[in-house]
Amino acid sequence: MNSRGWKSVYCVTKRDAFRGTAPINLTDRLHQVLRWATGSVEIFFSRNNAQLASSRMKFLQRIAYLNVGIYPFTSVFLIVYCFLPALSLFSVRRNTKRLGYW
């Protein structure tokens, strides 16, 4: 829509405009996040990608669309970042035993 010239505005309503249910347990939450990530990746790689469709979009709009499209791929780096310290601790302990420090 932005690529066709429509403007995006932030709308604040006095009453709740949209009501729904939130996921109750972790399984439902993970399924919801997976659906969001799958949709974002599909749009990012489709021919309907808003960044490639038009030159009328502003720079910050392009950054926002890029962030939404790339966000699912950042989970790989987060997992590596979380497990790297633990792996390095185990490897350091093993290496220091070999050297006779422990």
PDB file of N, CA and C in Angstrom:
ATOM      1  N   MET A   1       0.817  -1.176   0.000  1.00  0.00           N
ATOM      2  CA  MET A   1       0.000   0.000   0.000  1.00  0.00           C
ATOM      3  C   MET A   1       0.871   1.255   0.000  1.00  0.00           C
ATOM      4  N   ASN A   2       1.947   1.216   0.798  1.00  0.00           N
ATOM      5  CA  ASN A   2       2.831   2.379   0.815  1.00  0.00           C
ATOM      6  C   ASN A   2       3.501   2.591  -0.530  1.00  0.00           C
ATOM      7  N   SER A   3       3.794   1.504  -1.221  1.00  0.00           N
ATOM      8  CA  SER A   3       4.465   1.637  -2.505  1.00  0.00           C
ATOM      9  C   SER A   3       3.536   2.215  -3.574  1.00  0.00           C
ATOM     10  N   ARG A   4       2.225   2.150  -3.350  1.00  0.00           N
ATOM     11  CA  ARG A   4       1.261   2.709  -4.303  1.00  0.00           C
ATOM     12  C   ARG A   4       0.837   4.127  -3.948  1.00  0.00           C
ATOM     13  N   GLY A   5       1.488   4.709  -2.932  1.00  0.00           N
ATOM     14  CA  GLY A   5       1.211   6.096  -2.619  1.00  0.00           C
ATOM     15  C   GLY A   5       0.346   6.333  -1.403  1.00  0.00           C
ATOM     16  N   TRP A   6      -0.161   5.279  -0.752  1.00  0.00           N
ATOM     17  CA  TRP A   6      -0.963   5.451   0.449  1.00  0.00           C
ATOM     18  C   TRP A   6      -0.061   5.911   1.586  1.00  0.00           C
ATOM     19  N   LYS A   7      -0.595   6.687   2.505  1.00  0.00           N
ATOM     20  CA  LYS A   7       0.168   7.157   3.652  1.00  0.00           C
ATOM     21  C   LYS A   7      -0.150   6.312   4.874  1.00  0.00           C
ATOM     22  N   SER A   8       0.861   6.038   5.690  1.00  0.00           N
ATOM     23  CA  SER A   8       0.683   5.319   6.940  1.00  0.00           C
ATOM     24  C   SER A   8       0.621   6.325   8.080  1.00  0.00           C
ATOM     25  N   VAL A   9      -0.354   6.161   8.960  1.00  0.00           N
ATOM     26  CA  VAL A   9      -0.458   7.016  10.137  1.00  0.00           C
ATOM     27  C   VAL A   9      -0.664   6.123  11.351  1.00  0.00           C
ATOM     28  N   TYR A  10      -0.247   6.627  12.499  1.00  0.00           N
ATOM     29  CA  TYR A  10      -0.428   5.908  13.750  1.00  0.00           C
ATOM     30  C   TYR A  10      -1.738   6.367  14.368  1.00  0.00           C
ATOM     31  N   CYS A  11      -2.618   5.438  14.654  1.00  0.00           N
ATOM     32  CA  CYS A  11      -3.955   5.759  15.139  1.00  0.00           C
ATOM     33  C   CYS A  11      -4.086   5.351  16.606  1.00  0.00           C
ATOM     34  N   VAL A  12      -4.490   6.298  17.444  1.00  0.00           N
ATOM     35  CA  VAL A  12      -4.749   6.017  18.852  1.00  0.00           C
ATOM     36  C   VAL A  12      -6.231   6.254  19.101  1.00  0.00           C
ATOM     37  N   THR A  13      -6.910   5.223  19.537  1.00  0.00           N
ATOM     38  CA  THR A  13      -8.341   5.342  19.796  1.00  0.00           C
ATOM     39  C   THR A  13      -8.585   5.405  21.297  1.00  0.00           C
ATOM     40  N   LYS A  14      -9.686   6.031  21.683  1.00  0.00           N
ATOM     41  CA  LYS A  14     -10.019   6.111  23.104  1.00  0.00           C
ATOM     42  C   LYS A  14     -10.475   4.763  23.626  1.00  0.00           C
ATOM     43  N   ARG A  15     -11.276   4.079  22.835  1.00  0.00           N
ATOM     44  CA  ARG A  15     -11.698   2.732  23.202  1.00  0.00           C
ATOM     45  C   ARG A  15     -10.816   1.716  22.491  1.00  0.00           C
ATOM     46  N   ASP A  16     -10.849   0.482  22.961  1.00  0.00           N
ATOM     47  CA  ASP A  16     -10.118  -0.568  22.270  1.00  0.00           C
ATOM     48  C   ASP A  16     -10.744  -0.791  20.902  1.00  0.00           C
ATOM     49  N   ALA A  17      -9.956  -0.594  19.873  1.00  0.00           N
ATOM     50  CA  ALA A  17     -10.475  -0.747  18.517  1.00  0.00           C
ATOM     51  C   ALA A  17     -10.534  -2.217  18.098  1.00  0.00           C
ATOM     52  N   PHE A  18      -9.600  -2.979  18.587  1.00  0.00           N
ATOM     53  CA  PHE A  18      -9.525  -4.385  18.190  1.00  0.00           C
ATOM     54  C   PHE A  18      -9.439  -5.229  19.446  1.00  0.00           C
ATOM     55  N   ARG A  19     -10.278  -6.205  19.543  1.00  0.00           N
ATOM     56  CA  ARG A  19     -10.258  -7.113  20.687  1.00  0.00           C
ATOM     57  C   ARG A  19     -10.074  -8.524  20.158  1.00  0.00           C
ATOM     58  N   GLY A  20      -9.341  -9.294  20.910  1.00  0.00           N
ATOM     59  CA  GLY A  20      -9.106 -10.672  20.509  1.00  0.00           C
ATOM     60  C   GLY A  20      -8.557 -11.451  21.678  1.00  0.00           C
ATOM     61  N   THR A  21      -8.105 -12.627  21.392  1.00  0.00           N
ATOM     62  CA  THR A  21      -7.533 -13.457  22.440  1.00  0.00           C
ATOM     63  C   THR A  21      -6.043 -13.587  22.215  1.00  0.00           C
ATOM     64  N   ALA A  22      -5.326 -13.699  23.293  1.00  0.00           N
ATOM     65  CA  ALA A  22      -3.885 -13.889  23.236  1.00  0.00           C
ATOM     66  C   ALA A  22      -3.575 -15.355  23.497  1.00  0.00           C
ATOM     67  N   PRO A  23      -2.430 -15.833  23.036  1.00  0.00           N
ATOM     68  CA  PRO A  23      -2.066 -17.227  23.309  1.00  0.00           C
ATOM     69  C   PRO A  23      -1.934 -17.464  24.817  1.00  0.00           C
ATOM     70  N   ILE A  24      -2.431 -18.591  25.256  1.00  0.00           N
ATOM     71  CA  ILE A  24      -2.448 -18.892  26.685  1.00  0.00           C
ATOM     72  C   ILE A  24      -1.165 -19.592  27.125  1.00  0.00           C
ATOM     73  N   ASN A  25      -0.681 -20.521  26.330  1.00  0.00           N
ATOM     74  CA  ASN A  25       0.504 -21.282  26.743  1.00  0.00           C
ATOM     75  C   ASN A  25       1.647 -21.065  25.750  1.00  0.00           C
ATOM     76  N   LEU A  26       2.782 -21.641  26.064  1.00  0.00           N
ATOM     77  CA  LEU A  26       3.982 -21.447  25.254  1.00  0.00           C
ATOM     78  C   LEU A  26       3.845 -22.046  23.863  1.00  0.00           C
ATOM     79  N   THR A  27       3.175 -23.173  23.764  1.00  0.00           N
ATOM     80  CA  THR A  27       3.008 -23.814  22.458  1.00  0.00           C
ATOM     81  C   THR A  27       2.217 -22.918  21.506  1.00  0.00           C
ATOM     82  N   ASP A  28       1.114 -22.366  21.999  1.00  0.00           N
ATOM     83  CA  ASP A  28       0.325 -21.462  21.153  1.00  0.00           C
ATOM     84  C   ASP A  28       1.118 -20.220  20.788  1.00  0.00           C
ATOM     85  N   ARG A  29       1.890 -19.704  21.712  1.00  0.00           N
ATOM     86  CA  ARG A  29       2.713 -18.521  21.447  1.00  0.00           C
ATOM     87  C   ARG A  29       3.749 -18.813  20.360  1.00  0.00           C
ATOM     88  N   LEU A  30       4.401 -19.963  20.450  1.00  0.00           N
ATOM     89  CA  LEU A  30       5.406 -20.323  19.450  1.00  0.00           C
ATOM     90  C   LEU A  30       4.785 -20.523  18.072  1.00  0.00           C
ATOM     91  N   HIS A  31       3.585 -21.092  18.024  1.00  0.00           N
ATOM     92  CA  HIS A  31       2.897 -21.247  16.737  1.00  0.00           C
ATOM     93  C   HIS A  31       2.546 -19.884  16.144  1.00  0.00           C
ATOM     94  N   GLN A  32       2.128 -18.948  16.990  1.00  0.00           N
ATOM     95  CA  GLN A  32       1.797 -17.620  16.505  1.00  0.00           C
ATOM     96  C   GLN A  32       3.036 -16.909  15.967  1.00  0.00           C
ATOM     97  N   VAL A  33       4.140 -16.997  16.682  1.00  0.00           N
ATOM     98  CA  VAL A  33       5.384 -16.368  16.230  1.00  0.00           C
ATOM     99  C   VAL A  33       5.862 -17.012  14.933  1.00  0.00           C
ATOM    100  N   LEU A  34       5.712 -18.319  14.825  1.00  0.00           N
ATOM    101  CA  LEU A  34       6.099 -19.018  13.595  1.00  0.00           C
ATOM    102  C   LEU A  34       5.253 -18.549  12.407  1.00  0.00           C
ATOM    103  N   ARG A  35       3.959 -18.342  12.611  1.00  0.00           N
ATOM    104  CA  ARG A  35       3.105 -17.834  11.529  1.00  0.00           C
ATOM    105  C   ARG A  35       3.542 -16.436  11.113  1.00  0.00           C
ATOM    106  N   TRP A  36       3.830 -15.578  12.091  1.00  0.00           N
ATOM    107  CA  TRP A  36       4.280 -14.224  11.771  1.00  0.00           C
ATOM    108  C   TRP A  36       5.598 -14.255  11.003  1.00  0.00           C
ATOM    109  N   ALA A  37       6.530 -15.086  11.460  1.00  0.00           N
ATOM    110  CA  ALA A  37       7.836 -15.157  10.805  1.00  0.00           C
ATOM    111  C   ALA A  37       7.709 -15.705   9.390  1.00  0.00           C
ATOM    112  N   THR A  38       6.883 -16.722   9.210  1.00  0.00           N
ATOM    113  CA  THR A  38       6.691 -17.297   7.883  1.00  0.00           C
ATOM    114  C   THR A  38       6.088 -16.263   6.925  1.00  0.00           C
ATOM    115  N   GLY A  39       5.097 -15.524   7.394  1.00  0.00           N
ATOM    116  CA  GLY A  39       4.495 -14.495   6.554  1.00  0.00           C
ATOM    117  C   GLY A  39       5.476 -13.396   6.196  1.00  0.00           C
ATOM    118  N   SER A  40       6.301 -12.992   7.160  1.00  0.00           N
ATOM    119  CA  SER A  40       7.290 -11.943   6.896  1.00  0.00           C
ATOM    120  C   SER A  40       8.308 -12.381   5.855  1.00  0.00           C
ATOM    121  N   VAL A  41       8.771 -13.618   5.970  1.00  0.00           N
ATOM    122  CA  VAL A  41       9.760 -14.126   5.017  1.00  0.00           C
ATOM    123  C   VAL A  41       9.141 -14.289   3.634  1.00  0.00           C
ATOM    124  N   GLU A  42       7.896 -14.760   3.573  1.00  0.00           N
ATOM    125  CA  GLU A  42       7.230 -14.908   2.279  1.00  0.00           C
ATOM    126  C   GLU A  42       7.077 -13.564   1.573  1.00  0.00           C
ATOM    127  N   ILE A  43       6.689 -12.540   2.315  1.00  0.00           N
ATOM    128  CA  ILE A  43       6.533 -11.221   1.710  1.00  0.00           C
ATOM    129  C   ILE A  43       7.887 -10.647   1.304  1.00  0.00           C
ATOM    130  N   PHE A  44       8.903 -10.877   2.140  1.00  0.00           N
ATOM    131  CA  PHE A  44      10.231 -10.337   1.843  1.00  0.00           C
ATOM    132  C   PHE A  44      10.786 -10.894   0.535  1.00  0.00           C
ATOM    133  N   PHE A  45      10.550 -12.180   0.256  1.00  0.00           N
ATOM    134  CA  PHE A  45      11.079 -12.802  -0.951  1.00  0.00           C
ATOM    135  C   PHE A  45      10.089 -12.817  -2.121  1.00  0.00           C
ATOM    136  N   SER A  46       8.908 -12.250  -1.949  1.00  0.00           N
ATOM    137  CA  SER A  46       7.927 -12.274  -3.036  1.00  0.00           C
ATOM    138  C   SER A  46       8.137 -11.082  -3.971  1.00  0.00           C
ATOM    139  N   ARG A  47       7.418 -11.080  -5.054  1.00  0.00           N
ATOM    140  CA  ARG A  47       7.504  -9.959  -5.993  1.00  0.00           C
ATOM    141  C   ARG A  47       6.727  -8.759  -5.468  1.00  0.00           C
ATOM    142  N   ASN A  48       5.965  -8.935  -4.397  1.00  0.00           N
ATOM    143  CA  ASN A  48       5.205  -7.845  -3.788  1.00  0.00           C
ATOM    144  C   ASN A  48       5.980  -7.150  -2.671  1.00  0.00           C
ATOM    145  N   ASN A  49       7.279  -7.334  -2.642  1.00  0.00           N
ATOM    146  CA  ASN A  49       8.103  -6.684  -1.628  1.00  0.00           C
ATOM    147  C   ASN A  49       7.989  -5.177  -1.794  1.00  0.00           C
ATOM    148  N   ALA A  50       7.607  -4.503  -0.734  1.00  0.00           N
ATOM    149  CA  ALA A  50       7.343  -3.061  -0.816  1.00  0.00           C
ATOM    150  C   ALA A  50       8.605  -2.258  -1.100  1.00  0.00           C
ATOM    151  N   GLN A  51       9.747  -2.766  -0.715  1.00  0.00           N
ATOM    152  CA  GLN A  51      10.985  -2.019  -0.934  1.00  0.00           C
ATOM    153  C   GLN A  51      11.360  -1.965  -2.404  1.00  0.00           C
ATOM    154  N   LEU A  52      11.072  -3.028  -3.120  1.00  0.00           N
ATOM    155  CA  LEU A  52      11.443  -3.073  -4.528  1.00  0.00           C
ATOM    156  C   LEU A  52      10.354  -2.519  -5.436  1.00  0.00           C
ATOM    157  N   ALA A  53       9.161  -2.345  -4.903  1.00  0.00           N
ATOM    158  CA  ALA A  53       8.022  -1.997  -5.745  1.00  0.00           C
ATOM    159  C   ALA A  53       8.011  -0.534  -6.167  1.00  0.00           C
ATOM    160  N   SER A  54       8.479   0.344  -5.312  1.00  0.00           N
ATOM    161  CA  SER A  54       8.323   1.756  -5.631  1.00  0.00           C
ATOM    162  C   SER A  54       9.459   2.571  -5.052  1.00  0.00           C
ATOM    163  N   SER A  55       9.715   3.684  -5.688  1.00  0.00           N
ATOM    164  CA  SER A  55      10.716   4.613  -5.172  1.00  0.00           C
ATOM    165  C   SER A  55      10.066   5.748  -4.389  1.00  0.00           C
ATOM    166  N   ARG A  56       8.740   5.698  -4.217  1.00  0.00           N
ATOM    167  CA  ARG A  56       8.033   6.759  -3.505  1.00  0.00           C
ATOM    168  C   ARG A  56       8.100   6.617  -1.988  1.00  0.00           C
ATOM    169  N   MET A  57       8.577   5.481  -1.509  1.00  0.00           N
ATOM    170  CA  MET A  57       8.631   5.281  -0.059  1.00  0.00           C
ATOM    171  C   MET A  57       9.794   6.055   0.537  1.00  0.00           C
ATOM    172  N   LYS A  58       9.580   6.545   1.741  1.00  0.00           N
ATOM    173  CA  LYS A  58      10.624   7.290   2.432  1.00  0.00           C
ATOM    174  C   LYS A  58      11.659   6.326   3.000  1.00  0.00           C
ATOM    175  N   PHE A  59      12.794   6.888   3.408  1.00  0.00           N
ATOM    176  CA  PHE A  59      13.900   6.074   3.899  1.00  0.00           C
ATOM    177  C   PHE A  59      13.508   5.282   5.140  1.00  0.00           C
ATOM    178  N   LEU A  60      12.845   5.911   6.103  1.00  0.00           N
ATOM    179  CA  LEU A  60      12.463   5.211   7.330  1.00  0.00           C
ATOM    180  C   LEU A  60      11.414   4.131   7.066  1.00  0.00           C
ATOM    181  N   GLN A  61      10.545   4.341   6.092  1.00  0.00           N
ATOM    182  CA  GLN A  61       9.594   3.295   5.727  1.00  0.00           C
ATOM    183  C   GLN A  61      10.326   2.085   5.160  1.00  0.00           C
ATOM    184  N   ARG A  62      11.335   2.339   4.351  1.00  0.00           N
ATOM    185  CA  ARG A  62      12.120   1.232   3.797  1.00  0.00           C
ATOM    186  C   ARG A  62      12.846   0.461   4.902  1.00  0.00           C
ATOM    187  N   ILE A  63      13.384   1.195   5.882  1.00  0.00           N
ATOM    188  CA  ILE A  63      14.064   0.541   7.003  1.00  0.00           C
ATOM    189  C   ILE A  63      13.074  -0.299   7.804  1.00  0.00           C
ATOM    190  N   ALA A  64      11.862   0.205   8.021  1.00  0.00           N
ATOM    191  CA  ALA A  64      10.846  -0.544   8.766  1.00  0.00           C
ATOM    192  C   ALA A  64      10.470  -1.840   8.037  1.00  0.00           C
ATOM    193  N   TYR A  65      10.262  -1.753   6.724  1.00  0.00           N
ATOM    194  CA  TYR A  65       9.936  -2.961   5.959  1.00  0.00           C
ATOM    195  C   TYR A  65      11.117  -3.937   5.950  1.00  0.00           C
ATOM    196  N   LEU A  66      12.326  -3.426   5.878  1.00  0.00           N
ATOM    197  CA  LEU A  66      13.501  -4.290   5.918  1.00  0.00           C
ATOM    198  C   LEU A  66      13.608  -4.991   7.268  1.00  0.00           C
ATOM    199  N   ASN A  67      13.329  -4.273   8.350  1.00  0.00           N
ATOM    200  CA  ASN A  67      13.381  -4.857   9.680  1.00  0.00           C
ATOM    201  C   ASN A  67      12.367  -5.988   9.831  1.00  0.00           C
ATOM    202  N   VAL A  68      11.157  -5.779   9.329  1.00  0.00           N
ATOM    203  CA  VAL A  68      10.127  -6.815   9.419  1.00  0.00           C
ATOM    204  C   VAL A  68      10.521  -8.041   8.600  1.00  0.00           C
ATOM    205  N   GLY A  69      11.125  -7.833   7.447  1.00  0.00           N
ATOM    206  CA  GLY A  69      11.487  -8.961   6.582  1.00  0.00           C
ATOM    207  C   GLY A  69      12.679  -9.741   7.074  1.00  0.00           C
ATOM    208  N   ILE A  70      13.615  -9.073   7.729  1.00  0.00           N
ATOM    209  CA  ILE A  70      14.846  -9.735   8.166  1.00  0.00           C
ATOM    210  C   ILE A  70      14.737 -10.278   9.593  1.00  0.00           C
ATOM    211  N   TYR A  71      13.775  -9.799  10.351  1.00  0.00           N
ATOM    212  CA  TYR A  71      13.668 -10.169  11.761  1.00  0.00           C
ATOM    213  C   TYR A  71      13.683 -11.681  12.023  1.00  0.00           C
ATOM    214  N   PRO A  72      12.972 -12.517  11.264  1.00  0.00           N
ATOM    215  CA  PRO A  72      13.015 -13.955  11.555  1.00  0.00           C
ATOM    216  C   PRO A  72      14.418 -14.562  11.437  1.00  0.00           C
ATOM    217  N   PHE A  73      15.285 -13.987  10.609  1.00  0.00           N
ATOM    218  CA  PHE A  73      16.623 -14.547  10.437  1.00  0.00           C
ATOM    219  C   PHE A  73      17.547 -14.221  11.612  1.00  0.00           C
ATOM    220  N   THR A  74      17.188 -13.225  12.414  1.00  0.00           N
ATOM    221  CA  THR A  74      18.038 -12.856  13.549  1.00  0.00           C
ATOM    222  C   THR A  74      18.017 -13.908  14.642  1.00  0.00           C
ATOM    223  N   SER A  75      17.048 -14.794  14.645  1.00  0.00           N
ATOM    224  CA  SER A  75      16.983 -15.820  15.683  1.00  0.00           C
ATOM    225  C   SER A  75      18.180 -16.762  15.618  1.00  0.00           C
ATOM    226  N   VAL A  76      18.711 -16.979  14.439  1.00  0.00           N
ATOM    227  CA  VAL A  76      19.899 -17.837  14.312  1.00  0.00           C
ATOM    228  C   VAL A  76      21.069 -17.233  15.075  1.00  0.00           C
ATOM    229  N   PHE A  77      21.264 -15.937  14.928  1.00  0.00           N
ATOM    230  CA  PHE A  77      22.370 -15.273  15.610  1.00  0.00           C
ATOM    231  C   PHE A  77      22.144 -15.211  17.118  1.00  0.00           C
ATOM    232  N   LEU A  78      20.882 -15.077  17.534  1.00  0.00           N
ATOM    233  CA  LEU A  78      20.585 -15.062  18.966  1.00  0.00           C
ATOM    234  C   LEU A  78      20.870 -16.414  19.610  1.00  0.00           C
ATOM    235  N   ILE A  79      20.554 -17.476  18.918  1.00  0.00           N
ATOM    236  CA  ILE A  79      20.825 -18.815  19.456  1.00  0.00           C
ATOM    237  C   ILE A  79      22.330 -19.040  19.585  1.00  0.00           C
ATOM    238  N   VAL A  80      23.072 -18.655  18.575  1.00  0.00           N
ATOM    239  CA  VAL A  80      24.529 -18.778  18.639  1.00  0.00           C
ATOM    240  C   VAL A  80      25.080 -17.931  19.774  1.00  0.00           C
ATOM    241  N   TYR A  81      24.574 -16.713  19.920  1.00  0.00           N
ATOM    242  CA  TYR A  81      25.030 -15.806  20.968  1.00  0.00           C
ATOM    243  C   TYR A  81      24.736 -16.364  22.360  1.00  0.00           C
ATOM    244  N   CYS A  82      23.622 -17.061  22.509  1.00  0.00           N
ATOM    245  CA  CYS A  82      23.266 -17.632  23.816  1.00  0.00           C
ATOM    246  C   CYS A  82      24.104 -18.853  24.159  1.00  0.00           C
ATOM    247  N   PHE A  83      24.403 -19.700  23.186  1.00  0.00           N
ATOM    248  CA  PHE A  83      25.118 -20.936  23.472  1.00  0.00           C
ATOM    249  C   PHE A  83      26.634 -20.814  23.392  1.00  0.00           C
ATOM    250  N   LEU A  84      27.136 -19.779  22.772  1.00  0.00           N
ATOM    251  CA  LEU A  84      28.582 -19.622  22.629  1.00  0.00           C
ATOM    252  C   LEU A  84      29.321 -19.512  23.963  1.00  0.00           C
ATOM    253  N   PRO A  85      28.834 -18.743  24.942  1.00  0.00           N
ATOM    254  CA  PRO A  85      29.550 -18.698  26.224  1.00  0.00           C
ATOM    255  C   PRO A  85      29.619 -20.055  26.918  1.00  0.00           C
ATOM    256  N   ALA A  86      28.532 -20.812  26.886  1.00  0.00           N
ATOM    257  CA  ALA A  86      28.540 -22.132  27.522  1.00  0.00           C
ATOM    258  C   ALA A  86      29.516 -23.074  26.810  1.00  0.00           C
ATOM    259  N   LEU A  87      29.518 -23.026  25.507  1.00  0.00           N
ATOM    260  CA  LEU A  87      30.438 -23.883  24.760  1.00  0.00           C
ATOM    261  C   LEU A  87      31.885 -23.488  25.015  1.00  0.00           C
ATOM    262  N   SER A  88      32.149 -22.204  25.115  1.00  0.00           N
ATOM    263  CA  SER A  88      33.522 -21.777  25.376  1.00  0.00           C
ATOM    264  C   SER A  88      33.961 -22.171  26.785  1.00  0.00           C
ATOM    265  N   LEU A  89      33.042 -22.137  27.751  1.00  0.00           N
ATOM    266  CA  LEU A  89      33.400 -22.570  29.108  1.00  0.00           C
ATOM    267  C   LEU A  89      33.784 -24.042  29.135  1.00  0.00           C
ATOM    268  N   PHE A  90      33.014 -24.872  28.454  1.00  0.00           N
ATOM    269  CA  PHE A  90      33.340 -26.297  28.423  1.00  0.00           C
ATOM    270  C   PHE A  90      34.656 -26.550  27.694  1.00  0.00           C
ATOM    271  N   SER A  91      34.892 -25.853  26.603  1.00  0.00           N
ATOM    272  CA  SER A  91      36.127 -26.078  25.860  1.00  0.00           C
ATOM    273  C   SER A  91      37.332 -25.537  26.622  1.00  0.00           C
ATOM    274  N   VAL A  92      37.193 -24.424  27.336  1.00  0.00           N
ATOM    275  CA  VAL A  92      38.302 -23.887  28.126  1.00  0.00           C
ATOM    276  C   VAL A  92      38.639 -24.834  29.259  1.00  0.00           C
ATOM    277  N   ARG A  93      37.640 -25.376  29.908  1.00  0.00           N
ATOM    278  CA  ARG A  93      37.888 -26.308  31.014  1.00  0.00           C
ATOM    279  C   ARG A  93      38.606 -27.558  30.508  1.00  0.00           C
ATOM    280  N   ARG A  94      38.191 -28.052  29.377  1.00  0.00           N
ATOM    281  CA  ARG A  94      38.823 -29.235  28.815  1.00  0.00           C
ATOM    282  C   ARG A  94      40.275 -28.927  28.421  1.00  0.00           C
ATOM    283  N   ASN A  95      40.497 -27.757  27.824  1.00  0.00           N
ATOM    284  CA  ASN A  95      41.845 -27.403  27.405  1.00  0.00           C
ATOM    285  C   ASN A  95      42.752 -27.143  28.600  1.00  0.00           C
ATOM    286  N   THR A  96      42.224 -26.546  29.660  1.00  0.00           N
ATOM    287  CA  THR A  96      43.065 -26.276  30.820  1.00  0.00           C
ATOM    288  C   THR A  96      43.397 -27.553  31.577  1.00  0.00           C
ATOM    289  N   LYS A  97      42.519 -28.568  31.546  1.00  0.00           N
ATOM    290  CA  LYS A  97      42.857 -29.853  32.150  1.00  0.00           C
ATOM    291  C   LYS A  97      44.028 -30.488  31.401  1.00  0.00           C
ATOM    292  N   ARG A  98      44.030 -30.340  30.120  1.00  0.00           N
ATOM    293  CA  ARG A  98      45.085 -30.904  29.307  1.00  0.00           C
ATOM    294  C   ARG A  98      46.420 -30.218  29.619  1.00  0.00           C
ATOM    295  N   LEU A  99      46.367 -28.923  29.929  1.00  0.00           N
ATOM    296  CA  LEU A  99      47.575 -28.167  30.226  1.00  0.00           C
ATOM    297  C   LEU A  99      48.021 -28.302  31.690  1.00  0.00           C
ATOM    298  N   GLY A 100      47.147 -28.849  32.537  1.00  0.00           N
ATOM    299  CA  GLY A 100      47.512 -29.075  33.921  1.00  0.00           C
ATOM    300  C   GLY A 100      47.189 -27.927  34.866  1.00  0.00           C
ATOM    301  N   TYR A 101      46.305 -27.013  34.451  1.00  0.00           N
ATOM    302  CA  TYR A 101      45.926 -25.903  35.325  1.00  0.00           C
ATOM    303  C   TYR A 101      44.870 -26.279  36.340  1.00  0.00           C
ATOM    304  N   TRP A 102      44.098 -27.313  36.121  1.00  0.00           N
ATOM    305  CA  TRP A 102      43.008 -27.667  37.030  1.00  0.00           C
ATOM    306  C   TRP A 102      43.415 -28.827  37.868  1.00  0.00           C
TER     307      TRP A 102
END
